[in-house]
C-alpha cells in the first residue's frame, strides 16, 4: 500500500513542523524578562554586549521605516563601540587594539551623523 509510507512521513514531520511554526510566531522583542545573555568568557568576552545590542536594536522603533532604521543603526553602532572597548580591555595585540580604537572613533562619528538625521526629521536624538 503506497499510502502507508506517505502517512508515516507526515506523522513524523508534524511535531517538528508544529514546533518550528510556534517558534516563528514568537515575539522575541517582548522577552526582556528572559535571560538569554551569553556569559563573558576569556575567549569570547562579547556575549553580554552582543545581547544588549540585540535587545536595544529590537526595541528601537520610529514613526516610519526611515526613523526606525536610523534608531536601529544607532544601537548597532553603539554595540560596535562597546565591543571595541571590550577588545581594548581584553587584548594586548597591537593590531587589534589599533583597529578597535579606529572603530570607536568611526562608530561615534556614525552615531553623531545618525542623531543629526533624526533631528532633521524633527525627531529627538537618542
N, C-alpha and C. Protein backbone atom coordinates (compact mmCIF):
# COMPACT_ATOMS: atom_id res chain seq x y z
N UNK A 1 0.85 -1.17 0.00
CA UNK A 1 0.00 0.00 0.00
C UNK A 1 0.90 1.23 0.00
N UNK A 2 0.71 2.14 -0.95
CA UNK A 2 1.56 3.30 -1.11
C UNK A 2 1.24 4.42 -0.12
N UNK A 3 0.08 4.43 0.48
CA UNK A 3 -0.27 5.48 1.42
C UNK A 3 0.47 5.34 2.75
N UNK A 4 0.83 4.18 3.13
CA UNK A 4 1.49 3.97 4.42
C UNK A 4 2.79 4.76 4.53
N UNK A 5 3.71 4.71 3.56
CA UNK A 5 4.94 5.49 3.70
C UNK A 5 4.65 7.00 3.75
N UNK A 6 3.72 7.48 2.95
CA UNK A 6 3.39 8.90 2.96
C UNK A 6 2.80 9.29 4.32
N UNK A 7 1.90 8.47 4.84
CA UNK A 7 1.31 8.73 6.15
C UNK A 7 2.39 8.78 7.23
N UNK A 8 3.35 7.87 7.15
CA UNK A 8 4.43 7.82 8.13
C UNK A 8 5.27 9.10 8.08
N UNK A 9 5.59 9.57 6.89
CA UNK A 9 6.37 10.80 6.73
C UNK A 9 5.63 11.98 7.34
N UNK A 10 4.34 12.11 7.04
CA UNK A 10 3.54 13.21 7.57
C UNK A 10 3.44 13.12 9.08
N UNK A 11 3.21 11.94 9.62
CA UNK A 11 3.07 11.76 11.07
C UNK A 11 4.37 12.11 11.80
N UNK A 12 5.50 11.73 11.21
CA UNK A 12 6.77 12.01 11.86
C UNK A 12 7.16 13.48 11.74
N UNK A 13 6.78 14.12 10.64
CA UNK A 13 7.16 15.51 10.41
C UNK A 13 6.29 16.49 11.18
N UNK A 14 5.08 16.13 11.51
CA UNK A 14 4.14 17.06 12.13
C UNK A 14 4.65 17.69 13.42
N UNK A 15 5.19 16.96 14.39
CA UNK A 15 5.69 17.62 15.61
C UNK A 15 6.79 18.63 15.32
N UNK A 16 7.71 18.30 14.42
CA UNK A 16 8.80 19.23 14.10
C UNK A 16 8.26 20.47 13.41
N UNK A 17 7.30 20.30 12.52
CA UNK A 17 6.71 21.46 11.84
C UNK A 17 5.93 22.33 12.81
N UNK A 18 5.22 21.72 13.72
CA UNK A 18 4.47 22.48 14.72
C UNK A 18 5.42 23.28 15.61
N UNK A 19 6.52 22.66 16.02
CA UNK A 19 7.49 23.35 16.86
C UNK A 19 8.09 24.53 16.11
N UNK A 20 8.43 24.33 14.84
CA UNK A 20 9.01 25.39 14.04
C UNK A 20 8.01 26.52 13.87
N UNK A 21 6.75 26.20 13.61
CA UNK A 21 5.72 27.22 13.43
C UNK A 21 5.54 28.02 14.73
N UNK A 22 5.53 27.34 15.88
CA UNK A 22 5.39 28.05 17.14
C UNK A 22 6.56 28.97 17.40
N UNK A 23 7.77 28.54 17.08
CA UNK A 23 8.96 29.36 17.29
C UNK A 23 8.94 30.59 16.40
N UNK A 24 8.52 30.42 15.15
CA UNK A 24 8.50 31.55 14.22
C UNK A 24 7.47 32.58 14.64
N UNK A 25 6.41 32.17 15.31
CA UNK A 25 5.37 33.09 15.71
C UNK A 25 5.67 33.84 16.99
N UNK A 26 6.76 33.49 17.66
CA UNK A 26 7.09 34.14 18.93
C UNK A 26 7.55 35.57 18.68
N UNK A 27 7.17 36.46 19.57
CA UNK A 27 7.62 37.84 19.52
C UNK A 27 8.85 37.96 20.41
N UNK A 28 10.02 37.89 19.82
CA UNK A 28 11.27 37.91 20.58
C UNK A 28 11.57 39.29 21.14
N UNK A 29 10.90 40.32 20.65
CA UNK A 29 11.14 41.66 21.16
C UNK A 29 10.55 41.87 22.54
N UNK A 30 9.62 41.03 22.96
CA UNK A 30 8.99 41.18 24.26
C UNK A 30 9.50 40.15 25.26
N UNK A 31 10.72 39.75 25.15
CA UNK A 31 11.27 38.71 26.02
C UNK A 31 12.29 39.29 26.99
N UNK A 32 12.09 40.54 27.39
CA UNK A 32 13.07 41.21 28.24
C UNK A 32 13.27 40.50 29.57
N UNK A 33 12.24 39.86 30.09
CA UNK A 33 12.36 39.19 31.37
C UNK A 33 13.12 37.89 31.31
N UNK A 34 13.35 37.38 30.13
CA UNK A 34 14.07 36.11 30.00
C UNK A 34 15.56 36.38 29.84
N UNK A 35 16.37 35.58 30.46
CA UNK A 35 17.81 35.77 30.40
C UNK A 35 18.39 34.94 29.27
N UNK A 36 18.69 35.58 28.17
CA UNK A 36 19.30 34.91 27.03
C UNK A 36 20.78 35.28 26.91
N UNK A 37 21.30 36.04 27.85
CA UNK A 37 22.66 36.54 27.75
C UNK A 37 23.67 35.41 27.77
N UNK A 38 24.64 35.56 26.90
CA UNK A 38 25.76 34.62 26.88
C UNK A 38 26.77 35.14 27.90
N UNK A 39 27.30 34.27 28.74
CA UNK A 39 28.29 34.74 29.70
C UNK A 39 29.57 35.17 29.00
N UNK A 40 30.23 36.13 29.56
CA UNK A 40 31.53 36.55 29.04
C UNK A 40 32.56 35.51 29.43
N UNK A 41 33.40 35.14 28.49
CA UNK A 41 34.50 34.23 28.76
C UNK A 41 35.78 34.87 28.25
N UNK A 42 36.91 34.29 28.61
CA UNK A 42 38.18 34.83 28.13
C UNK A 42 38.26 34.77 26.61
N UNK A 43 37.72 33.70 26.02
CA UNK A 43 37.78 33.56 24.56
C UNK A 43 36.72 34.41 23.86
N UNK A 44 35.59 34.65 24.53
CA UNK A 44 34.52 35.46 23.94
C UNK A 44 33.93 36.36 25.02
N UNK A 45 34.55 37.50 25.25
CA UNK A 45 34.04 38.42 26.26
C UNK A 45 32.89 39.29 25.76
N UNK A 46 32.39 39.03 24.55
CA UNK A 46 31.43 39.92 23.89
C UNK A 46 29.97 39.53 24.08
N UNK A 47 29.68 38.36 24.63
CA UNK A 47 28.31 37.88 24.72
C UNK A 47 27.33 38.87 25.34
N UNK A 48 27.61 39.40 26.54
CA UNK A 48 26.67 40.35 27.13
C UNK A 48 26.49 41.61 26.28
N UNK A 49 27.55 42.12 25.68
CA UNK A 49 27.44 43.32 24.84
C UNK A 49 26.62 43.02 23.59
N UNK A 50 26.82 41.84 23.01
CA UNK A 50 26.05 41.46 21.82
C UNK A 50 24.57 41.35 22.15
N UNK A 51 24.26 40.76 23.30
CA UNK A 51 22.86 40.61 23.68
C UNK A 51 22.22 41.96 23.96
N UNK A 52 22.96 42.82 24.63
CA UNK A 52 22.46 44.18 24.92
C UNK A 52 22.17 44.91 23.60
N UNK A 53 23.10 44.82 22.65
CA UNK A 53 22.90 45.47 21.36
C UNK A 53 21.67 44.90 20.66
N UNK A 54 21.54 43.59 20.66
CA UNK A 54 20.41 42.93 20.02
C UNK A 54 19.09 43.41 20.63
N UNK A 55 19.02 43.42 21.96
CA UNK A 55 17.80 43.84 22.64
C UNK A 55 17.46 45.30 22.32
N UNK A 56 18.47 46.16 22.31
CA UNK A 56 18.22 47.57 22.02
C UNK A 56 17.81 47.78 20.56
N UNK A 57 18.42 47.01 19.66
CA UNK A 57 18.02 47.12 18.26
C UNK A 57 16.58 46.65 18.07
N UNK A 58 16.21 45.56 18.73
CA UNK A 58 14.84 45.04 18.62
C UNK A 58 13.83 46.05 19.16
N UNK A 59 14.20 46.79 20.20
CA UNK A 59 13.28 47.74 20.82
C UNK A 59 13.22 49.08 20.10
N UNK A 60 14.23 49.40 19.31
CA UNK A 60 14.29 50.71 18.64
C UNK A 60 13.20 50.81 17.57
N UNK A 61 12.33 51.79 17.74
CA UNK A 61 11.22 51.98 16.80
C UNK A 61 11.05 53.46 16.50
N UNK A 62 10.50 53.73 15.35
CA UNK A 62 10.17 55.09 14.97
C UNK A 62 8.79 55.15 14.36
N UNK A 63 8.43 56.32 13.89
CA UNK A 63 7.10 56.53 13.31
C UNK A 63 7.00 55.93 11.91
N UNK A 64 8.14 55.74 11.25
CA UNK A 64 8.14 55.16 9.90
C UNK A 64 9.41 54.35 9.71
N UNK A 65 9.53 53.72 8.56
CA UNK A 65 10.68 52.84 8.31
C UNK A 65 12.01 53.59 8.36
N UNK A 66 12.03 54.82 7.89
CA UNK A 66 13.27 55.59 7.90
C UNK A 66 13.74 55.91 9.30
N UNK A 67 12.82 56.37 10.15
CA UNK A 67 13.19 56.67 11.54
C UNK A 67 13.57 55.39 12.28
N UNK A 68 12.82 54.32 12.04
CA UNK A 68 13.13 53.05 12.71
C UNK A 68 14.52 52.57 12.31
N UNK A 69 14.84 52.61 11.03
CA UNK A 69 16.17 52.20 10.56
C UNK A 69 17.26 53.02 11.25
N UNK A 70 17.05 54.33 11.31
CA UNK A 70 18.04 55.21 11.91
C UNK A 70 18.26 54.86 13.38
N UNK A 71 17.18 54.63 14.10
CA UNK A 71 17.29 54.30 15.51
C UNK A 71 17.95 52.93 15.73
N UNK A 72 17.63 51.97 14.88
CA UNK A 72 18.26 50.65 14.99
C UNK A 72 19.75 50.74 14.68
N UNK A 73 20.11 51.53 13.68
CA UNK A 73 21.52 51.67 13.32
C UNK A 73 22.32 52.35 14.43
N UNK A 74 21.71 53.30 15.13
CA UNK A 74 22.40 53.93 16.26
C UNK A 74 22.77 52.87 17.29
N UNK A 75 21.82 52.00 17.60
CA UNK A 75 22.09 50.94 18.58
C UNK A 75 23.14 49.96 18.06
N UNK A 76 23.09 49.69 16.77
CA UNK A 76 24.09 48.81 16.15
C UNK A 76 25.50 49.41 16.31
N UNK A 77 25.63 50.69 16.02
CA UNK A 77 26.94 51.35 16.15
C UNK A 77 27.38 51.45 17.60
N UNK A 78 26.43 51.67 18.51
CA UNK A 78 26.77 51.69 19.93
C UNK A 78 27.29 50.32 20.37
N UNK A 79 26.71 49.27 19.84
CA UNK A 79 27.20 47.93 20.14
C UNK A 79 28.63 47.73 19.66
N UNK A 80 28.93 48.27 18.48
CA UNK A 80 30.29 48.17 17.95
C UNK A 80 31.27 48.92 18.84
N UNK A 81 30.86 50.07 19.36
CA UNK A 81 31.72 50.83 20.28
C UNK A 81 31.98 50.01 21.54
N UNK A 82 30.91 49.44 22.10
CA UNK A 82 31.08 48.66 23.33
C UNK A 82 31.98 47.46 23.12
N UNK A 83 31.80 46.75 22.00
CA UNK A 83 32.66 45.59 21.72
C UNK A 83 34.10 46.01 21.49
N UNK A 84 34.31 47.17 20.87
CA UNK A 84 35.67 47.67 20.66
C UNK A 84 36.32 48.04 21.99
N UNK A 85 35.53 48.60 22.89
CA UNK A 85 36.06 48.92 24.22
C UNK A 85 36.44 47.64 24.98
N UNK A 86 35.65 46.61 24.81
CA UNK A 86 35.98 45.32 25.43
C UNK A 86 37.28 44.78 24.85
N UNK A 87 37.45 44.91 23.54
CA UNK A 87 38.69 44.44 22.90
C UNK A 87 39.89 45.18 23.48
N UNK A 88 39.75 46.49 23.67
CA UNK A 88 40.86 47.26 24.23
C UNK A 88 41.22 46.80 25.64
N UNK A 89 40.21 46.42 26.41
CA UNK A 89 40.47 45.94 27.78
C UNK A 89 40.98 44.51 27.80
N UNK A 90 40.70 43.75 26.74
CA UNK A 90 40.92 42.30 26.79
C UNK A 90 42.11 41.78 26.00
N UNK A 91 42.73 42.61 25.19
CA UNK A 91 43.85 42.10 24.39
C UNK A 91 45.02 43.07 24.40
N UNK A 92 46.19 42.50 24.21
CA UNK A 92 47.39 43.31 24.07
C UNK A 92 47.88 43.31 22.62
N UNK A 93 47.14 42.63 21.73
CA UNK A 93 47.50 42.58 20.32
C UNK A 93 47.44 43.98 19.73
N UNK A 94 48.58 44.49 19.30
CA UNK A 94 48.69 45.88 18.85
C UNK A 94 47.78 46.18 17.65
N UNK A 95 47.71 45.25 16.72
CA UNK A 95 46.88 45.47 15.54
C UNK A 95 45.39 45.51 15.90
N UNK A 96 44.96 44.60 16.75
CA UNK A 96 43.56 44.58 17.19
C UNK A 96 43.25 45.87 17.96
N UNK A 97 44.14 46.27 18.83
CA UNK A 97 43.92 47.49 19.61
C UNK A 97 43.82 48.72 18.70
N UNK A 98 44.69 48.79 17.71
CA UNK A 98 44.68 49.92 16.76
C UNK A 98 43.34 49.96 16.00
N UNK A 99 42.89 48.81 15.52
CA UNK A 99 41.63 48.77 14.77
C UNK A 99 40.44 49.04 15.69
N UNK A 100 40.50 48.58 16.92
CA UNK A 100 39.42 48.85 17.88
C UNK A 100 39.33 50.35 18.16
N UNK A 101 40.47 51.00 18.31
CA UNK A 101 40.46 52.44 18.54
C UNK A 101 39.90 53.18 17.33
N UNK A 102 40.27 52.75 16.13
CA UNK A 102 39.71 53.36 14.92
C UNK A 102 38.21 53.12 14.83
N UNK A 103 37.78 51.93 15.20
CA UNK A 103 36.36 51.60 15.15
C UNK A 103 35.57 52.48 16.12
N UNK A 104 36.09 52.71 17.31
CA UNK A 104 35.40 53.56 18.28
C UNK A 104 35.21 54.96 17.70
N UNK A 105 36.25 55.49 17.11
CA UNK A 105 36.16 56.84 16.54
C UNK A 105 35.17 56.89 15.38
N UNK A 106 35.25 55.93 14.48
CA UNK A 106 34.36 55.96 13.30
C UNK A 106 32.91 55.67 13.69
N UNK A 107 32.69 54.76 14.63
CA UNK A 107 31.33 54.44 15.04
C UNK A 107 30.70 55.62 15.78
N UNK A 108 31.48 56.33 16.58
CA UNK A 108 30.96 57.52 17.25
C UNK A 108 30.59 58.61 16.25
N UNK A 109 31.37 58.74 15.17
CA UNK A 109 31.02 59.70 14.11
C UNK A 109 29.69 59.29 13.45
N UNK A 110 29.53 57.99 13.20
CA UNK A 110 28.28 57.50 12.60
C UNK A 110 27.08 57.77 13.52
N UNK A 111 27.26 57.55 14.82
CA UNK A 111 26.18 57.81 15.77
C UNK A 111 25.80 59.28 15.74
N UNK A 112 26.79 60.15 15.73
CA UNK A 112 26.52 61.59 15.68
C UNK A 112 25.78 61.96 14.39
N UNK A 113 26.19 61.39 13.27
CA UNK A 113 25.54 61.68 11.99
C UNK A 113 24.10 61.17 11.99
N UNK A 114 23.86 59.98 12.53
CA UNK A 114 22.50 59.43 12.58
C UNK A 114 21.62 60.25 13.52
N UNK A 115 22.16 60.71 14.63
CA UNK A 115 21.39 61.58 15.52
C UNK A 115 21.06 62.90 14.84
N UNK A 116 21.99 63.42 14.05
CA UNK A 116 21.72 64.65 13.27
C UNK A 116 20.58 64.39 12.28
N UNK A 117 20.56 63.20 11.67
CA UNK A 117 19.46 62.86 10.76
C UNK A 117 18.12 62.86 11.50
N UNK A 118 18.10 62.29 12.69
CA UNK A 118 16.86 62.28 13.48
C UNK A 118 16.40 63.71 13.76
N UNK A 119 17.32 64.57 14.15
CA UNK A 119 16.95 65.96 14.43
C UNK A 119 16.41 66.64 13.17
N UNK A 120 17.00 66.36 12.01
CA UNK A 120 16.49 66.91 10.75
C UNK A 120 15.08 66.44 10.45
N UNK A 121 14.76 65.22 10.90
CA UNK A 121 13.41 64.67 10.73
C UNK A 121 12.44 65.27 11.74
N UNK A 122 12.96 66.11 12.65
CA UNK A 122 12.12 66.69 13.69
C UNK A 122 11.91 65.72 14.85
N UNK A 123 12.78 64.74 14.96
CA UNK A 123 12.67 63.71 15.99
C UNK A 123 13.74 63.91 17.05
N UNK A 124 13.51 63.45 18.27
CA UNK A 124 14.55 63.56 19.29
C UNK A 124 15.70 62.59 19.02
N UNK A 125 16.90 63.05 19.28
CA UNK A 125 18.08 62.18 19.16
C UNK A 125 18.02 61.14 20.26
N UNK A 126 18.82 60.08 20.09
CA UNK A 126 18.85 59.08 21.16
C UNK A 126 20.25 58.84 21.64
